[in-house]
Amino acid sequence: LQNSKTVIQAKDAVIQELKEKVAYLEAENLEMHDRIEH
């Protein structure tokens, strides 16, 4: 159980990091899209 909790916490941290990267890339994508539209 303790090992599983540690693994889950590590994976949760990776997931959170990936979510942040996705949000950043989506914002960058919107910005690029707007620049192209502009």
Full PDB file with SEQRES, HELIX, SHEET, SSBOND, CRYST1, ORIGX, SCALE, CONECT and MASTER records, all heavy atoms in Angstrom:
SEQRES   1 A   38  LEU GLN ASN SER LYS THR VAL ILE GLN ALA LYS ASP ALA          
SEQRES   2 A   38  VAL ILE GLN GLU LEU LYS GLU LYS VAL ALA TYR LEU GLU          
SEQRES   3 A   38  ALA GLU ASN LEU GLU MET HIS ASP ARG ILE GLU HIS              
HELIX    1 AA1 GLN A    2  GLU A   37  1                                  36    
CRYST1    1.000    1.000    1.000  90.00  90.00  90.00 P 1           1          
ORIGX1      1.000000  0.000000  0.000000        0.00000                         
ORIGX2      0.000000  1.000000  0.000000        0.00000                         
ORIGX3      0.000000  0.000000  1.000000        0.00000                         
SCALE1      1.000000  0.000000  0.000000        0.00000                         
SCALE2      0.000000  1.000000  0.000000        0.00000                         
SCALE3      0.000000  0.000000  1.000000        0.00000                         
ATOM      1  N   LEU A   1       0.834  -1.208   0.000  1.00  0.00           N  
ATOM      2  CA  LEU A   1       0.000   0.000   0.000  1.00  0.00           C  
ATOM      3  C   LEU A   1       0.865   1.254   0.000  1.00  0.00           C  
ATOM      4  O   LEU A   1       0.606   2.195  -0.763  1.00  0.00           O  
ATOM      5  CB  LEU A   1      -0.900   0.003   1.244  1.00  0.00           C  
ATOM      6  CG  LEU A   1      -2.333  -0.402   1.017  1.00  0.00           C  
ATOM      7  CD1 LEU A   1      -3.038  -0.575   2.340  1.00  0.00           C  
ATOM      8  CD2 LEU A   1      -3.058   0.599   0.175  1.00  0.00           C  
ATOM      9  N   GLN A   2       1.886   1.267   0.854  1.00  0.00           N  
ATOM     10  CA  GLN A   2       2.756   2.436   0.917  1.00  0.00           C  
ATOM     11  C   GLN A   2       3.494   2.634  -0.409  1.00  0.00           C  
ATOM     12  O   GLN A   2       3.613   3.769  -0.888  1.00  0.00           O  
ATOM     13  CB  GLN A   2       3.749   2.288   2.073  1.00  0.00           C  
ATOM     14  CG  GLN A   2       3.096   2.420   3.427  1.00  0.00           C  
ATOM     15  CD  GLN A   2       4.033   2.091   4.576  1.00  0.00           C  
ATOM     16  OE1 GLN A   2       5.040   1.420   4.391  1.00  0.00           O  
ATOM     17  NE2 GLN A   2       3.688   2.554   5.767  1.00  0.00           N  
ATOM     18  N   ASN A   3       3.963   1.533  -0.986  1.00  0.00           N  
ATOM     19  CA  ASN A   3       4.632   1.644  -2.287  1.00  0.00           C  
ATOM     20  C   ASN A   3       3.663   2.157  -3.347  1.00  0.00           C  
ATOM     21  O   ASN A   3       4.020   3.002  -4.171  1.00  0.00           O  
ATOM     22  CB  ASN A   3       5.217   0.292  -2.708  1.00  0.00           C  
ATOM     23  CG  ASN A   3       6.379  -0.131  -1.845  1.00  0.00           C  
ATOM     24  OD1 ASN A   3       6.988   0.690  -1.170  1.00  0.00           O  
ATOM     25  ND2 ASN A   3       6.679  -1.414  -1.853  1.00  0.00           N  
ATOM     26  N   SER A   4       2.440   1.648  -3.331  1.00  0.00           N  
ATOM     27  CA  SER A   4       1.432   2.088  -4.299  1.00  0.00           C  
ATOM     28  C   SER A   4       1.122   3.566  -4.114  1.00  0.00           C  
ATOM     29  O   SER A   4       0.992   4.301  -5.098  1.00  0.00           O  
ATOM     30  CB  SER A   4       0.150   1.274  -4.147  1.00  0.00           C  
ATOM     31  OG  SER A   4       0.387  -0.080  -4.459  1.00  0.00           O  
ATOM     32  N   LYS A   5       1.010   4.001  -2.846  1.00  0.00           N  
ATOM     33  CA  LYS A   5       0.750   5.426  -2.588  1.00  0.00           C  
ATOM     34  C   LYS A   5       1.880   6.282  -3.130  1.00  0.00           C  
ATOM     35  O   LYS A   5       1.637   7.332  -3.732  1.00  0.00           O  
ATOM     36  CB  LYS A   5       0.582   5.668  -1.080  1.00  0.00           C  
ATOM     37  CG  LYS A   5      -0.758   5.284  -0.538  1.00  0.00           C  
ATOM     38  CD  LYS A   5      -0.861   5.634   0.938  1.00  0.00           C  
ATOM     39  CE  LYS A   5      -2.189   5.230   1.511  1.00  0.00           C  
ATOM     40  NZ  LYS A   5      -2.287   5.543   2.953  1.00  0.00           N  
ATOM     41  N   THR A   6       3.118   5.830  -2.925  1.00  0.00           N  
ATOM     42  CA  THR A   6       4.272   6.587  -3.424  1.00  0.00           C  
ATOM     43  C   THR A   6       4.231   6.673  -4.945  1.00  0.00           C  
ATOM     44  O   THR A   6       4.445   7.750  -5.520  1.00  0.00           O  
ATOM     45  CB  THR A   6       5.580   5.910  -2.963  1.00  0.00           C  
ATOM     46  OG1 THR A   6       5.562   5.801  -1.538  1.00  0.00           O  
ATOM     47  CG2 THR A   6       6.786   6.689  -3.401  1.00  0.00           C  
ATOM     48  N   VAL A   7       3.938   5.539  -5.590  1.00  0.00           N  
ATOM     49  CA  VAL A   7       3.868   5.522  -7.055  1.00  0.00           C  
ATOM     50  C   VAL A   7       2.738   6.431  -7.530  1.00  0.00           C  
ATOM     51  O   VAL A   7       2.910   7.215  -8.484  1.00  0.00           O  
ATOM     52  CB  VAL A   7       3.667   4.069  -7.564  1.00  0.00           C  
ATOM     53  CG1 VAL A   7       3.284   4.049  -9.027  1.00  0.00           C  
ATOM     54  CG2 VAL A   7       4.922   3.255  -7.325  1.00  0.00           C  
ATOM     55  N   ILE A   8       1.593   6.355  -6.867  1.00  0.00           N  
ATOM     56  CA  ILE A   8       0.443   7.189  -7.258  1.00  0.00           C  
ATOM     57  C   ILE A   8       0.774   8.670  -7.087  1.00  0.00           C  
ATOM     58  O   ILE A   8       0.446   9.489  -7.954  1.00  0.00           O  
ATOM     59  CB  ILE A   8      -0.807   6.798  -6.441  1.00  0.00           C  
ATOM     60  CG1 ILE A   8      -1.318   5.446  -6.923  1.00  0.00           C  
ATOM     61  CG2 ILE A   8      -1.892   7.861  -6.549  1.00  0.00           C  
ATOM     62  CD1 ILE A   8      -2.433   4.870  -6.068  1.00  0.00           C  
ATOM     63  N   GLN A   9       1.434   9.018  -5.983  1.00  0.00           N  
ATOM     64  CA  GLN A   9       1.806  10.414  -5.772  1.00  0.00           C  
ATOM     65  C   GLN A   9       2.760  10.895  -6.860  1.00  0.00           C  
ATOM     66  O   GLN A   9       2.632  12.011  -7.364  1.00  0.00           O  
ATOM     67  CB  GLN A   9       2.443  10.600  -4.393  1.00  0.00           C  
ATOM     68  CG  GLN A   9       1.446  10.505  -3.253  1.00  0.00           C  
ATOM     69  CD  GLN A   9       2.118  10.520  -1.888  1.00  0.00           C  
ATOM     70  OE1 GLN A   9       3.330  10.367  -1.772  1.00  0.00           O  
ATOM     71  NE2 GLN A   9       1.315  10.686  -0.845  1.00  0.00           N  
ATOM     72  N   ALA A  10       3.709  10.033  -7.216  1.00  0.00           N  
ATOM     73  CA  ALA A  10       4.655  10.410  -8.271  1.00  0.00           C  
ATOM     74  C   ALA A  10       3.914  10.593  -9.597  1.00  0.00           C  
ATOM     75  O   ALA A  10       4.155  11.561 -10.331  1.00  0.00           O  
ATOM     76  CB  ALA A  10       5.743   9.348  -8.405  1.00  0.00           C  
ATOM     77  N   LYS A  11       2.993   9.678  -9.889  1.00  0.00           N  
ATOM     78  CA  LYS A  11       2.232   9.788 -11.138  1.00  0.00           C  
ATOM     79  C   LYS A  11       1.308  10.998 -11.115  1.00  0.00           C  
ATOM     80  O   LYS A  11       1.135  11.660 -12.140  1.00  0.00           O  
ATOM     81  CB  LYS A  11       1.442   8.504 -11.398  1.00  0.00           C  
ATOM     82  CG  LYS A  11       2.350   7.360 -11.802  1.00  0.00           C  
ATOM     83  CD  LYS A  11       1.593   6.125 -12.176  1.00  0.00           C  
ATOM     84  CE  LYS A  11       2.567   5.033 -12.612  1.00  0.00           C  
ATOM     85  NZ  LYS A  11       1.893   3.845 -13.080  1.00  0.00           N  
ATOM     86  N   ASP A  12       0.723  11.298  -9.950  1.00  0.00           N  
ATOM     87  CA  ASP A  12      -0.106  12.498  -9.834  1.00  0.00           C  
ATOM     88  C   ASP A  12       0.720  13.757 -10.099  1.00  0.00           C  
ATOM     89  O   ASP A  12       0.249  14.684 -10.766  1.00  0.00           O  
ATOM     90  CB  ASP A  12      -0.738  12.589  -8.432  1.00  0.00           C  
ATOM     91  CG  ASP A  12      -1.944  11.683  -8.271  1.00  0.00           C  
ATOM     92  OD1 ASP A  12      -2.437  11.158  -9.299  1.00  0.00           O  
ATOM     93  OD2 ASP A  12      -2.396  11.500  -7.122  1.00  0.00           O  
ATOM     94  N   ALA A  13       1.948  13.770  -9.584  1.00  0.00           N  
ATOM     95  CA  ALA A  13       2.815  14.924  -9.821  1.00  0.00           C  
ATOM     96  C   ALA A  13       3.129  15.047 -11.310  1.00  0.00           C  
ATOM     97  O   ALA A  13       3.099  16.159 -11.868  1.00  0.00           O  
ATOM     98  CB  ALA A  13       4.110  14.791  -9.011  1.00  0.00           C  
ATOM     99  N   VAL A  14       3.407  13.922 -11.974  1.00  0.00           N  
ATOM    100  CA  VAL A  14       3.681  13.942 -13.415  1.00  0.00           C  
ATOM    101  C   VAL A  14       2.442  14.411 -14.168  1.00  0.00           C  
ATOM    102  O   VAL A  14       2.535  15.234 -15.094  1.00  0.00           O  
ATOM    103  CB  VAL A  14       4.128  12.538 -13.900  1.00  0.00           C  
ATOM    104  CG1 VAL A  14       4.125  12.468 -15.410  1.00  0.00           C  
ATOM    105  CG2 VAL A  14       5.499  12.207 -13.343  1.00  0.00           C  
ATOM    106  N   ILE A  15       1.268  13.914 -13.764  1.00  0.00           N  
ATOM    107  CA  ILE A  15       0.014  14.313 -14.423  1.00  0.00           C  
ATOM    108  C   ILE A  15      -0.214  15.812 -14.261  1.00  0.00           C  
ATOM    109  O   ILE A  15      -0.576  16.500 -15.224  1.00  0.00           O  
ATOM    110  CB  ILE A  15      -1.173  13.501 -13.857  1.00  0.00           C  
ATOM    111  CG1 ILE A  15      -1.106  12.068 -14.354  1.00  0.00           C  
ATOM    112  CG2 ILE A  15      -2.513  14.140 -14.242  1.00  0.00           C  
ATOM    113  CD1 ILE A  15      -2.096  11.126 -13.684  1.00  0.00           C  
ATOM    114  N   GLN A  16       0.006  16.319 -13.054  1.00  0.00           N  
ATOM    115  CA  GLN A  16      -0.186  17.751 -12.813  1.00  0.00           C  
ATOM    116  C   GLN A  16       0.787  18.558 -13.677  1.00  0.00           C  
ATOM    117  O   GLN A  16       0.407  19.569 -14.270  1.00  0.00           O  
ATOM    118  CB  GLN A  16       0.003  18.071 -11.323  1.00  0.00           C  
ATOM    119  CG  GLN A  16      -0.338  19.498 -10.973  1.00  0.00           C  
ATOM    120  CD  GLN A  16      -1.782  19.855 -11.276  1.00  0.00           C  
ATOM    121  OE1 GLN A  16      -2.679  19.038 -11.141  1.00  0.00           O  
ATOM    122  NE2 GLN A  16      -2.013  21.081 -11.703  1.00  0.00           N  
ATOM    123  N   GLU A  17       2.016  18.093 -13.760  1.00  0.00           N  
ATOM    124  CA  GLU A  17       3.009  18.783 -14.580  1.00  0.00           C  
ATOM    125  C   GLU A  17       2.580  18.773 -16.049  1.00  0.00           C  
ATOM    126  O   GLU A  17       2.689  19.792 -16.749  1.00  0.00           O  
ATOM    127  CB  GLU A  17       4.361  18.078 -14.409  1.00  0.00           C  
ATOM    128  CG  GLU A  17       5.524  18.812 -15.005  1.00  0.00           C  
ATOM    129  CD  GLU A  17       6.834  18.074 -14.722  1.00  0.00           C  
ATOM    130  OE1 GLU A  17       7.076  17.719 -13.548  1.00  0.00           O  
ATOM    131  OE2 GLU A  17       7.589  17.868 -15.687  1.00  0.00           O  
ATOM    132  N   LEU A  18       2.089  17.624 -16.501  1.00  0.00           N  
ATOM    133  CA  LEU A  18       1.637  17.523 -17.897  1.00  0.00           C  
ATOM    134  C   LEU A  18       0.419  18.417 -18.141  1.00  0.00           C  
ATOM    135  O   LEU A  18       0.302  19.026 -19.203  1.00  0.00           O  
ATOM    136  CB  LEU A  18       1.322  16.069 -18.252  1.00  0.00           C  
ATOM    137  CG  LEU A  18       2.541  15.141 -18.354  1.00  0.00           C  
ATOM    138  CD1 LEU A  18       2.094  13.705 -18.537  1.00  0.00           C  
ATOM    139  CD2 LEU A  18       3.450  15.574 -19.485  1.00  0.00           C  
ATOM    140  N   LYS A  19      -0.491  18.497 -17.177  1.00  0.00           N  
ATOM    141  CA  LYS A  19      -1.656  19.375 -17.320  1.00  0.00           C  
ATOM    142  C   LYS A  19      -1.207  20.825 -17.477  1.00  0.00           C  
ATOM    143  O   LYS A  19      -1.749  21.573 -18.302  1.00  0.00           O  
ATOM    144  CB  LYS A  19      -2.581  19.251 -16.101  1.00  0.00           C  
ATOM    145  CG  LYS A  19      -3.449  18.017 -16.097  1.00  0.00           C  
ATOM    146  CD  LYS A  19      -4.337  18.011 -14.867  1.00  0.00           C  
ATOM    147  CE  LYS A  19      -5.243  16.800 -14.832  1.00  0.00           C  
ATOM    148  NZ  LYS A  19      -6.100  16.805 -13.622  1.00  0.00           N  
ATOM    149  N   GLU A  20      -0.209  21.190 -16.656  1.00  0.00           N  
ATOM    150  CA  GLU A  20       0.295  22.562 -16.754  1.00  0.00           C  
ATOM    151  C   GLU A  20       0.927  22.807 -18.122  1.00  0.00           C  
ATOM    152  O   GLU A  20       0.723  23.863 -18.728  1.00  0.00           O  
ATOM    153  CB  GLU A  20       1.305  22.825 -15.635  1.00  0.00           C  
ATOM    154  CG  GLU A  20       0.666  22.879 -14.260  1.00  0.00           C  
ATOM    155  CD  GLU A  20       1.693  22.932 -13.129  1.00  0.00           C  
ATOM    156  OE1 GLU A  20       2.912  22.994 -13.412  1.00  0.00           O  
ATOM    157  OE2 GLU A  20       1.253  22.897 -11.971  1.00  0.00           O  
ATOM    158  N   LYS A  21       1.679  21.830 -18.612  1.00  0.00           N  
ATOM    159  CA  LYS A  21       2.300  21.970 -19.931  1.00  0.00           C  
ATOM    160  C   LYS A  21       1.233  22.058 -21.017  1.00  0.00           C  
ATOM    161  O   LYS A  21       1.351  22.872 -21.948  1.00  0.00           O  
ATOM    162  CB  LYS A  21       3.224  20.784 -20.226  1.00  0.00           C  
ATOM    163  CG  LYS A  21       4.536  20.844 -19.497  1.00  0.00           C  
ATOM    164  CD  LYS A  21       5.423  19.668 -19.874  1.00  0.00           C  
ATOM    165  CE  LYS A  21       6.742  19.703 -19.120  1.00  0.00           C  
ATOM    166  NZ  LYS A  21       7.584  18.548 -19.464  1.00  0.00           N  
ATOM    167  N   VAL A  22       0.172  21.217 -20.904  1.00  0.00           N  
ATOM    168  CA  VAL A  22      -0.911  21.248 -21.893  1.00  0.00           C  
ATOM    169  C   VAL A  22      -1.588  22.613 -21.870  1.00  0.00           C  
ATOM    170  O   VAL A  22      -1.869  23.198 -22.928  1.00  0.00           O  
ATOM    171  CB  VAL A  22      -1.932  20.111 -21.625  1.00  0.00           C  
ATOM    172  CG1 VAL A  22      -3.222  20.335 -22.388  1.00  0.00           C  
ATOM    173  CG2 VAL A  22      -1.328  18.763 -21.987  1.00  0.00           C  
ATOM    174  N   ALA A  23      -1.844  23.136 -20.671  1.00  0.00           N  
ATOM    175  CA  ALA A  23      -2.496  24.442 -20.569  1.00  0.00           C  
ATOM    176  C   ALA A  23      -1.608  25.521 -21.195  1.00  0.00           C  
ATOM    177  O   ALA A  23      -2.101  26.389 -21.933  1.00  0.00           O  
ATOM    178  CB  ALA A  23      -2.786  24.773 -19.110  1.00  0.00           C  
ATOM    179  N   TYR A  24      -0.304  25.448 -20.911  1.00  0.00           N  
ATOM    180  CA  TYR A  24       0.618  26.426 -21.479  1.00  0.00           C  
ATOM    181  C   TYR A  24       0.639  26.311 -23.001  1.00  0.00           C  
ATOM    182  O   TYR A  24       0.569  27.321 -23.717  1.00  0.00           O  
ATOM    183  CB  TYR A  24       2.026  26.210 -20.896  1.00  0.00           C  
ATOM    184  CG  TYR A  24       3.067  27.094 -21.527  1.00  0.00           C  
ATOM    185  CD1 TYR A  24       3.168  28.437 -21.162  1.00  0.00           C  
ATOM    186  CD2 TYR A  24       3.934  26.605 -22.497  1.00  0.00           C  
ATOM    187  CE1 TYR A  24       4.115  29.248 -21.739  1.00  0.00           C  
ATOM    188  CE2 TYR A  24       4.882  27.419 -23.085  1.00  0.00           C  
ATOM    189  CZ  TYR A  24       4.971  28.741 -22.697  1.00  0.00           C  
ATOM    190  OH  TYR A  24       5.907  29.554 -23.271  1.00  0.00           O  
ATOM    191  N   LEU A  25       0.706  25.070 -23.517  1.00  0.00           N  
ATOM    192  CA  LEU A  25       0.749  24.872 -24.961  1.00  0.00           C  
ATOM    193  C   LEU A  25      -0.564  25.275 -25.627  1.00  0.00           C  
ATOM    194  O   LEU A  25      -0.558  25.816 -26.745  1.00  0.00           O  
ATOM    195  CB  LEU A  25       1.093  23.416 -25.293  1.00  0.00           C  
ATOM    196  CG  LEU A  25       2.529  23.007 -24.944  1.00  0.00           C  
ATOM    197  CD1 LEU A  25       2.694  21.507 -25.146  1.00  0.00           C  
ATOM    198  CD2 LEU A  25       3.538  23.790 -25.767  1.00  0.00           C  
ATOM    199  N   GLU A  26      -1.699  25.044 -24.944  1.00  0.00           N  
ATOM    200  CA  GLU A  26      -2.983  25.483 -25.502  1.00  0.00           C  
ATOM    201  C   GLU A  26      -3.024  27.005 -25.602  1.00  0.00           C  
ATOM    202  O   GLU A  26      -3.501  27.566 -26.595  1.00  0.00           O  
ATOM    203  CB  GLU A  26      -4.151  24.979 -24.639  1.00  0.00           C  
ATOM    204  CG  GLU A  26      -4.488  23.521 -24.855  1.00  0.00           C  
ATOM    205  CD  GLU A  26      -5.649  23.058 -23.984  1.00  0.00           C  
ATOM    206  OE1 GLU A  26      -6.004  23.747 -23.006  1.00  0.00           O  
ATOM    207  OE2 GLU A  26      -6.193  21.990 -24.295  1.00  0.00           O  
ATOM    208  N   ALA A  27      -2.521  27.668 -24.549  1.00  0.00           N  
ATOM    209  CA  ALA A  27      -2.491  29.132 -24.588  1.00  0.00           C  
ATOM    210  C   ALA A  27      -1.566  29.624 -25.707  1.00  0.00           C  
ATOM    211  O   ALA A  27      -1.903  30.566 -26.427  1.00  0.00           O  
ATOM    212  CB  ALA A  27      -2.039  29.676 -23.240  1.00  0.00           C  
ATOM    213  N   GLU A  28      -0.412  28.946 -25.845  1.00  0.00           N  
ATOM    214  CA  GLU A  28       0.501  29.322 -26.920  1.00  0.00           C  
ATOM    215  C   GLU A  28      -0.131  29.067 -28.277  1.00  0.00           C  
ATOM    216  O   GLU A  28       0.013  29.863 -29.213  1.00  0.00           O  
ATOM    217  CB  GLU A  28       1.803  28.507 -26.814  1.00  0.00           C  
ATOM    218  CG  GLU A  28       2.967  29.324 -26.373  1.00  0.00           C  
ATOM    219  CD  GLU A  28       4.272  28.534 -26.439  1.00  0.00           C  
ATOM    220  OE1 GLU A  28       4.336  27.451 -27.045  1.00  0.00           O  
ATOM    221  OE2 GLU A  28       5.237  29.036 -25.868  1.00  0.00           O  
ATOM    222  N   ASN A  29      -0.846  27.964 -28.398  1.00  0.00           N  
ATOM    223  CA  ASN A  29      -1.532  27.617 -29.636  1.00  0.00           C  
ATOM    224  C   ASN A  29      -2.578  28.679 -29.970  1.00  0.00           C  
ATOM    225  O   ASN A  29      -2.691  29.116 -31.130  1.00  0.00           O  
ATOM    226  CB  ASN A  29      -2.174  26.231 -29.504  1.00  0.00           C  
ATOM    227  CG  ASN A  29      -2.726  25.729 -30.820  1.00  0.00           C  
ATOM    228  OD1 ASN A  29      -2.304  26.161 -31.881  1.00  0.00           O  
ATOM    229  ND2 ASN A  29      -3.671  24.813 -30.742  1.00  0.00           N  
ATOM    230  N   LEU A  30      -3.351  29.091 -28.970  1.00  0.00           N  
ATOM    231  CA  LEU A  30      -4.352  30.147 -29.198  1.00  0.00           C  
ATOM    232  C   LEU A  30      -3.670  31.444 -29.631  1.00  0.00           C  
ATOM    233  O   LEU A  30      -4.148  32.143 -30.529  1.00  0.00           O  
ATOM    234  CB  LEU A  30      -5.165  30.383 -27.921  1.00  0.00           C  
ATOM    235  CG  LEU A  30      -6.209  29.332 -27.596  1.00  0.00           C  
ATOM    236  CD1 LEU A  30      -6.844  29.644 -26.240  1.00  0.00           C  
ATOM    237  CD2 LEU A  30      -7.279  29.285 -28.673  1.00  0.00           C  
ATOM    238  N   GLU A  31      -2.563  31.715 -28.971  1.00  0.00           N  
ATOM    239  CA  GLU A  31      -1.846  32.936 -29.320  1.00  0.00           C  
ATOM    240  C   GLU A  31      -1.350  32.878 -30.761  1.00  0.00           C  
ATOM    241  O   GLU A  31      -1.504  33.844 -31.526  1.00  0.00           O  
ATOM    242  CB  GLU A  31      -0.663  33.125 -28.366  1.00  0.00           C  
ATOM    243  CG  GLU A  31       0.138  34.373 -28.633  1.00  0.00           C  
ATOM    244  CD  GLU A  31       1.347  34.488 -27.720  1.00  0.00           C  
ATOM    245  OE1 GLU A  31       1.415  33.756 -26.717  1.00  0.00           O  
ATOM    246  OE2 GLU A  31       2.215  35.316 -28.045  1.00  0.00           O  
ATOM    247  N   MET A  32      -0.782  31.722 -31.147  1.00  0.00           N  
ATOM    248  CA  MET A  32      -0.303  31.569 -32.519  1.00  0.00           C  
ATOM    249  C   MET A  32      -1.466  31.659 -33.508  1.00  0.00           C  
ATOM    250  O   MET A  32      -1.344  32.276 -34.560  1.00  0.00           O  
ATOM    251  CB  MET A  32       0.409  30.219 -32.688  1.00  0.00           C  
ATOM    252  CG  MET A  32       1.674  30.137 -31.898  1.00  0.00           C  
ATOM    253  SD  MET A  32       2.871  31.241 -32.595  1.00  0.00           S  
ATOM    254  CE  MET A  32       4.205  30.137 -32.807  1.00  0.00           C  
ATOM    255  N   HIS A  33      -2.569  31.039 -33.155  1.00  0.00           N  
ATOM    256  CA  HIS A  33      -3.753  31.066 -34.015  1.00  0.00           C  
ATOM    257  C   HIS A  33      -4.218  32.521 -34.210  1.00  0.00           C  
ATOM    258  O   HIS A  33      -4.532  32.943 -35.340  1.00  0.00           O  
ATOM    259  CB  HIS A  33      -4.864  30.216 -33.393  1.00  0.00           C  
ATOM    260  CG  HIS A  33      -6.085  30.111 -34.228  1.00  0.00           C  
ATOM    261  ND1 HIS A  33      -6.084  29.608 -35.510  1.00  0.00           N  
ATOM    262  CD2 HIS A  33      -7.383  30.447 -33.963  1.00  0.00           C  
ATOM    263  CE1 HIS A  33      -7.302  29.645 -35.992  1.00  0.00           C  
ATOM    264  NE2 HIS A  33      -8.115  30.151 -35.074  1.00  0.00           N  
ATOM    265  N   ASP A  34      -4.239  33.238 -33.100  1.00  0.00           N  
ATOM    266  CA  ASP A  34      -4.654  34.642 -33.186  1.00  0.00           C  
ATOM    267  C   ASP A  34      -3.662  35.463 -34.014  1.00  0.00           C  
ATOM    268  O   ASP A  34      -4.065  36.357 -34.776  1.00  0.00           O  
ATOM    269  CB  ASP A  34      -4.780  35.246 -31.783  1.00  0.00           C  
ATOM    270  CG  ASP A  34      -6.037  34.757 -31.075  1.00  0.00           C  
ATOM    271  OD1 ASP A  34      -6.898  34.142 -31.753  1.00  0.00           O  
ATOM    272  OD2 ASP A  34      -6.158  34.983 -29.856  1.00  0.00           O  
ATOM    273  N   ARG A  35      -2.390  35.166 -33.868  1.00  0.00           N  
ATOM    274  CA  ARG A  35      -1.396  35.902 -34.659  1.00  0.00           C  
ATOM    275  C   ARG A  35      -1.578  35.615 -36.146  1.00  0.00           C  
ATOM    276  O   ARG A  35      -1.481  36.520 -36.982  1.00  0.00           O  
ATOM    277  CB  ARG A  35       0.017  35.518 -34.218  1.00  0.00           C  
ATOM    278  CG  ARG A  35       0.368  36.149 -32.879  1.00  0.00           C  
ATOM    279  CD  ARG A  35       1.673  35.660 -32.335  1.00  0.00           C  
ATOM    280  NE  ARG A  35       2.812  36.114 -33.115  1.00  0.00           N  
ATOM    281  CZ  ARG A  35       4.043  35.667 -32.978  1.00  0.00           C  
ATOM    282  NH1 ARG A  35       4.282  34.735 -32.076  1.00  0.00           N  
ATOM    283  NH2 ARG A  35       5.017  36.128 -33.708  1.00  0.00           N  
ATOM    284  N   ILE A  36      -1.868  34.341 -36.450  1.00  0.00           N  
ATOM    285  CA  ILE A  36      -2.096  34.002 -37.860  1.00  0.00           C  
ATOM    286  C   ILE A  36      -3.345  34.714 -38.361  1.00  0.00           C  
ATOM    287  O   ILE A  36      -3.347  35.286 -39.459  1.00  0.00           O  
ATOM    288  CB  ILE A  36      -2.213  32.472 -38.033  1.00  0.00           C  
ATOM    289  CG1 ILE A  36      -0.847  31.840 -37.820  1.00  0.00           C  
ATOM    290  CG2 ILE A  36      -2.776  32.107 -39.386  1.00  0.00           C  
ATOM    291  CD1 ILE A  36      -0.860  30.326 -37.772  1.00  0.00           C  
ATOM    292  N   GLU A  37      -4.418  34.682 -37.551  1.00  0.00           N  
ATOM    293  CA  GLU A  37      -5.645  35.389 -37.942  1.00  0.00           C  
ATOM    294  C   GLU A  37      -5.352  36.875 -38.130  1.00  0.00           C  
ATOM    295  O   GLU A  37      -5.842  37.501 -39.070  1.00  0.00           O  
ATOM    296  CB  GLU A  37      -6.732  35.213 -36.867  1.00  0.00           C  
ATOM    297  CG  GLU A  37      -7.444  33.894 -36.897  1.00  0.00           C  
ATOM    298  CD  GLU A  37      -8.509  33.804 -35.817  1.00  0.00           C  
ATOM    299  OE1 GLU A  37      -8.836  34.834 -35.182  1.00  0.00           O  
ATOM    300  OE2 GLU A  37      -9.006  32.693 -35.612  1.00  0.00           O  
ATOM    301  N   HIS A  38      -4.565  37.414 -37.229  1.00  0.00           N  
ATOM    302  CA  HIS A  38      -4.227  38.827 -37.309  1.00  0.00           C  
ATOM    303  C   HIS A  38      -3.459  39.129 -38.599  1.00  0.00           C  
ATOM    304  O   HIS A  38      -3.744  40.123 -39.288  1.00  0.00           O  
ATOM    305  CB  HIS A  38      -3.403  39.220 -36.080  1.00  0.00           C  
ATOM    306  CG  HIS A  38      -2.957  40.633 -36.084  1.00  0.00           C  
ATOM    307  ND1 HIS A  38      -3.830  41.686 -35.896  1.00  0.00           N  
ATOM    308  CD2 HIS A  38      -1.723  41.200 -36.268  1.00  0.00           C  
ATOM    309  CE1 HIS A  38      -3.161  42.817 -35.963  1.00  0.00           C  
ATOM    310  NE2 HIS A  38      -1.871  42.547 -36.189  1.00  0.00           N  
TER     311      HIS A  38                                                      
MASTER        0    0    0    1    0    0    0    6  310    1    0    3          
END                                                                             
